[in-house]
Each structure stands twice: as C-alpha cells, then as structure tokens.
Amino acid sequence: LWVTEQALAAHIAKQCIKQVMQPEDIVGTVLFLASDASRMLTAQMLIVDGGFL
C-alpha cells in the first residue's frame, strides 16, 4: 500500500518465488484450513510467503 518500488524490489529479491503475492496465492491454504480436510491439523504453522529467506 505505502511501499516504494525500491522497497518492493528488495523484498521480492529475498523470496524464492520472485513474484508479488496476490490474494489468489493464499486462497487455497485458507480454504483448506476452513474445511474438514484440516480437522486433524493442530499446532502447525503453514507459511505462505513465497519462500521468503
């Protein structure tokens, strides 16, 4: 929102996947967590960050 082009480029450079995340990139994870498929998942961290190093 208030990120400069230079700051955004520096952030993307630290990711394994060199793309800006979009809302669509997290939808699958959110739907999984909201579904019965995740009912036995406890105390886990699912990090959706493009492989931020």
Protein backbone atom coordinates (compact mmCIF):
# COMPACT_ATOMS: atom_id res chain seq x y z
CA LEU A 1 0.00 0.00 0.00
CA TRP A 2 2.63 2.51 1.03
CA VAL A 3 5.62 0.56 -0.24
CA THR A 4 8.05 2.19 -2.62
CA GLU A 5 9.09 0.41 -5.80
CA GLN A 6 12.61 0.11 -4.40
CA ALA A 7 11.41 -1.48 -1.14
CA LEU A 8 9.16 -3.88 -3.05
CA ALA A 9 12.03 -4.93 -5.32
CA ALA A 10 14.25 -5.53 -2.28
CA HIS A 11 11.54 -7.67 -0.66
CA ILE A 12 10.96 -9.73 -3.81
CA ALA A 13 14.71 -10.26 -4.14
CA LYS A 14 14.60 -12.10 -0.78
CA GLN A 15 11.90 -14.54 -1.94
CA CYS A 16 12.48 -17.89 -3.64
CA ILE A 17 9.49 -17.22 -5.90
CA LYS A 18 10.24 -13.84 -7.46
CA GLN A 19 6.68 -12.54 -7.70
CA VAL A 20 4.45 -10.23 -5.72
CA MET A 21 1.94 -12.25 -3.73
CA GLN A 22 -1.67 -11.86 -4.75
CA PRO A 23 -4.80 -12.72 -2.74
CA GLU A 24 -5.26 -15.74 -5.01
CA ASP A 25 -1.96 -17.14 -3.72
CA ILE A 26 -3.35 -17.73 -0.24
CA VAL A 27 -6.92 -18.77 -1.08
CA GLY A 28 -6.11 -22.49 -1.31
CA THR A 29 -4.48 -22.53 2.12
CA VAL A 30 -7.35 -20.60 3.70
CA LEU A 31 -9.96 -22.89 2.14
CA PHE A 32 -8.04 -25.94 3.34
CA LEU A 33 -7.87 -24.60 6.90
CA ALA A 34 -11.58 -23.75 6.84
CA SER A 35 -12.54 -27.20 5.57
CA ASP A 36 -12.98 -30.57 7.23
CA ALA A 37 -9.79 -31.70 5.47
CA SER A 38 -7.79 -29.87 8.14
CA ARG A 39 -9.75 -31.18 11.13
CA MET A 40 -6.82 -33.23 12.45
CA LEU A 41 -4.27 -30.46 11.95
CA THR A 42 -3.17 -28.96 15.25
CA ALA A 43 -0.38 -26.65 16.40
CA GLN A 44 1.13 -26.25 12.94
CA MET A 45 2.39 -23.23 11.08
CA LEU A 46 1.60 -23.03 7.38
CA ILE A 47 3.70 -20.23 6.00
CA VAL A 48 2.57 -18.81 2.67
CA ASP A 49 5.22 -16.23 1.86
CA GLY A 50 6.77 -17.13 -1.48
CA GLY A 51 9.76 -18.69 0.24
CA PHE A 52 10.94 -15.54 2.00
CA LEU A 53 14.56 -16.01 3.05
